Amino acid sequence: RERLATAERMALVMSGSISGNRITMISQANELVRANRSKFMEAFDHADHYQTGKIAKREVQRMFSWSGLPMTLEELDDILLVLGMKNLHDVEYQAFMDRLSTLTFDLPEMFEGQSSVRFAPTHLNEVIGRRVRERKKAALASLREEDPEATGYLTKA
């Protein structure tokens, strides 16, 4: 199920439905929530006057703005779309927080179709780290081919 959701998110980006700027916004929202989850949950609980587990989208938008990440309702709609929570008037904040804080952006392919994307630092480290690990793995495989007996020595041909 998570693989399908990830594929759907990637399809949204690759189709151009979500712009590079919006990807940046989602990345920044993710990092903000990861760093301040308990404060966000406290704010959500405070805004949920009837203890329904839901608050209006406008309240979610205000919370991000007050936290230093101003966004429009359209940008929030894009975040909800990527999280699989589209067409909502009220946001189930526990599910929103869970999905947003666990979004990993571990798909470099998602971003390679964009001409430029500014990542939040955490996600930049993840993407670069993945690429470095892939290149290291390829280099080690190449060395194993050149040294099939695993002697630790390479000879000139």
Protein backbone atom coordinates (compact mmCIF):
# COMPACT_ATOMS: atom_id res chain seq x y z
CA ARG A 1 0.00 0.00 0.00
CA GLU A 2 2.83 2.44 0.87
CA ARG A 3 4.57 1.58 -2.42
CA LEU A 4 1.40 2.58 -4.29
CA ALA A 5 1.15 5.85 -2.39
CA THR A 6 4.80 6.57 -3.16
CA ALA A 7 4.25 5.77 -6.84
CA GLU A 8 1.24 8.07 -6.90
CA ARG A 9 3.28 10.89 -5.31
CA MET A 10 6.02 10.37 -7.87
CA ALA A 11 3.46 10.41 -10.69
CA LEU A 12 2.09 13.74 -9.44
CA VAL A 13 5.54 15.30 -9.56
CA MET A 14 6.65 13.73 -12.83
CA SER A 15 3.44 14.81 -14.56
CA GLY A 16 4.13 18.39 -13.59
CA SER A 17 1.05 18.56 -11.37
CA ILE A 18 3.28 19.59 -8.45
CA SER A 19 5.88 22.24 -9.22
CA GLY A 20 9.44 22.34 -7.94
CA ASN A 21 8.49 25.26 -5.70
CA ARG A 22 5.68 23.22 -4.17
CA ILE A 23 8.03 20.29 -3.64
CA THR A 24 10.29 22.68 -1.76
CA MET A 25 7.32 23.84 0.34
CA ILE A 26 6.38 20.25 1.16
CA SER A 27 9.98 19.44 2.05
CA GLN A 28 10.19 22.47 4.35
CA ALA A 29 6.84 21.62 5.99
CA ASN A 30 8.08 18.08 6.56
CA GLU A 31 11.27 19.30 8.20
CA LEU A 32 9.38 21.83 10.35
CA VAL A 33 6.96 19.16 11.57
CA ARG A 34 9.75 16.66 12.28
CA ALA A 35 11.58 19.23 14.38
CA ASN A 36 8.50 20.52 16.22
CA ARG A 37 6.00 17.66 16.26
CA SER A 38 4.99 17.99 19.92
CA LYS A 39 4.42 21.74 19.56
CA PHE A 40 2.29 21.18 16.46
CA MET A 41 0.25 18.48 18.20
CA GLU A 42 -0.32 20.79 21.15
CA ALA A 43 -1.47 23.55 18.80
CA PHE A 44 -3.77 21.16 16.93
CA ASP A 45 -5.28 19.93 20.21
CA HIS A 46 -5.82 23.53 21.29
CA ALA A 47 -7.52 24.42 17.97
CA ASP A 48 -9.76 21.32 18.13
CA HIS A 49 -12.40 22.86 20.40
CA TYR A 50 -14.81 19.90 20.18
CA GLN A 51 -12.14 17.18 20.38
CA THR A 52 -13.12 15.69 17.02
CA GLY A 53 -9.57 15.04 15.85
CA LYS A 54 -10.13 17.47 12.96
CA ILE A 55 -9.55 21.15 12.35
CA ALA A 56 -10.33 23.41 9.40
CA LYS A 57 -7.74 23.71 6.64
CA ARG A 58 -7.52 27.44 7.30
CA GLU A 59 -6.35 26.66 10.87
CA VAL A 60 -3.64 24.34 9.54
CA GLN A 61 -2.55 27.09 7.16
CA ARG A 62 -2.38 29.57 10.04
CA MET A 63 -0.32 27.20 12.18
CA PHE A 64 2.31 26.89 9.47
CA SER A 65 2.33 30.66 8.96
CA TRP A 66 2.74 31.27 12.69
CA SER A 67 5.57 28.73 12.70
CA GLY A 68 7.49 30.68 10.10
CA LEU A 69 6.37 28.83 6.96
CA PRO A 70 3.66 30.98 5.37
CA MET A 71 1.60 29.18 2.77
CA THR A 72 -1.54 29.72 0.76
CA LEU A 73 -4.55 27.42 0.91
CA GLU A 74 -3.58 26.22 -2.58
CA GLU A 75 -0.13 25.24 -1.31
CA LEU A 76 -1.73 23.41 1.62
CA ASP A 77 -4.02 21.64 -0.86
CA ASP A 78 -0.91 20.44 -2.73
CA ILE A 79 0.57 19.12 0.52
CA LEU A 80 -2.69 17.30 1.24
CA LEU A 81 -2.74 15.95 -2.31
CA VAL A 82 0.78 14.52 -1.97
CA LEU A 83 -0.20 13.02 1.40
CA GLY A 84 -3.27 11.38 -0.14
CA MET A 85 -5.64 13.62 1.81
CA LYS A 86 -7.15 15.65 -1.02
CA ASN A 87 -10.55 17.35 -1.12
CA LEU A 88 -10.76 17.87 2.62
CA HIS A 89 -12.43 20.80 4.34
CA ASP A 90 -11.36 19.60 7.77
CA VAL A 91 -8.00 17.93 8.30
CA GLU A 92 -7.59 14.90 10.56
CA TYR A 93 -4.54 16.25 12.25
CA GLN A 94 -3.15 12.99 13.68
CA ALA A 95 -3.13 11.39 10.21
CA PHE A 96 -1.79 14.63 8.69
CA MET A 97 1.08 14.78 11.18
CA ASP A 98 1.87 11.07 10.80
CA ARG A 99 1.96 11.24 7.01
CA LEU A 100 3.82 14.53 6.77
CA SER A 101 6.44 13.65 9.38
CA THR A 102 7.18 10.26 7.81
CA LEU A 103 7.36 11.50 4.23
CA THR A 104 10.94 10.72 3.27
CA PHE A 105 11.57 12.12 -0.20
CA ASP A 106 13.81 9.12 -0.72
CA LEU A 107 13.08 9.01 -4.43
CA PRO A 108 15.71 11.03 -6.28
CA GLU A 109 13.96 10.03 -9.52
CA MET A 110 11.05 12.17 -8.33
CA PHE A 111 13.19 15.26 -8.50
CA GLU A 112 15.42 14.55 -11.47
CA GLY A 113 12.65 15.65 -13.86
CA GLN A 114 12.72 19.10 -12.29
CA SER A 115 15.14 21.69 -13.64
CA SER A 116 15.85 22.90 -10.12
CA VAL A 117 14.54 22.00 -6.70
CA ARG A 118 15.63 23.51 -3.41
CA PHE A 119 15.61 20.84 -0.70
CA ALA A 120 15.38 21.32 3.02
CA PRO A 121 18.78 20.32 4.48
CA THR A 122 17.56 16.99 5.89
CA HIS A 123 16.22 15.87 2.53
CA LEU A 124 19.25 17.09 0.67
CA ASN A 125 21.40 14.90 2.93
CA GLU A 126 19.12 11.93 2.28
CA VAL A 127 19.19 12.33 -1.50
CA ILE A 128 22.95 12.94 -1.68
CA GLY A 129 23.58 10.10 0.77
CA ARG A 130 21.58 7.70 -1.36
CA ARG A 131 23.48 8.70 -4.49
CA VAL A 132 26.85 8.32 -2.75
CA ARG A 133 25.87 4.86 -1.46
CA GLU A 134 24.77 3.81 -4.96
CA ARG A 135 28.04 5.00 -6.50
CA LYS A 136 30.09 3.28 -3.78
CA LYS A 137 28.21 0.04 -4.40
CA ALA A 138 28.90 0.33 -8.15
CA ALA A 139 32.59 1.05 -7.54
CA LEU A 140 32.93 -1.96 -5.23
CA ALA A 141 31.21 -4.19 -7.79
CA SER A 142 33.65 -2.97 -10.43
CA LEU A 143 36.62 -3.74 -8.16
CA ARG A 144 35.25 -7.24 -7.48
CA GLU A 145 35.13 -7.85 -11.24
CA GLU A 146 38.78 -6.80 -11.55
CA ASP A 147 39.84 -8.92 -8.56
CA PRO A 148 37.72 -12.11 -8.82
CA GLU A 149 39.98 -14.05 -6.39
CA ALA A 150 39.62 -11.26 -3.78
CA THR A 151 43.38 -10.93 -3.33
CA GLY A 152 43.19 -7.20 -2.75
CA TYR A 153 45.53 -6.52 -5.66
CA LEU A 154 44.83 -5.21 -9.13
CA THR A 155 47.21 -5.93 -11.95
CA LYS A 156 47.84 -3.98 -15.10
CA ALA A 157 46.66 -5.65 -18.23
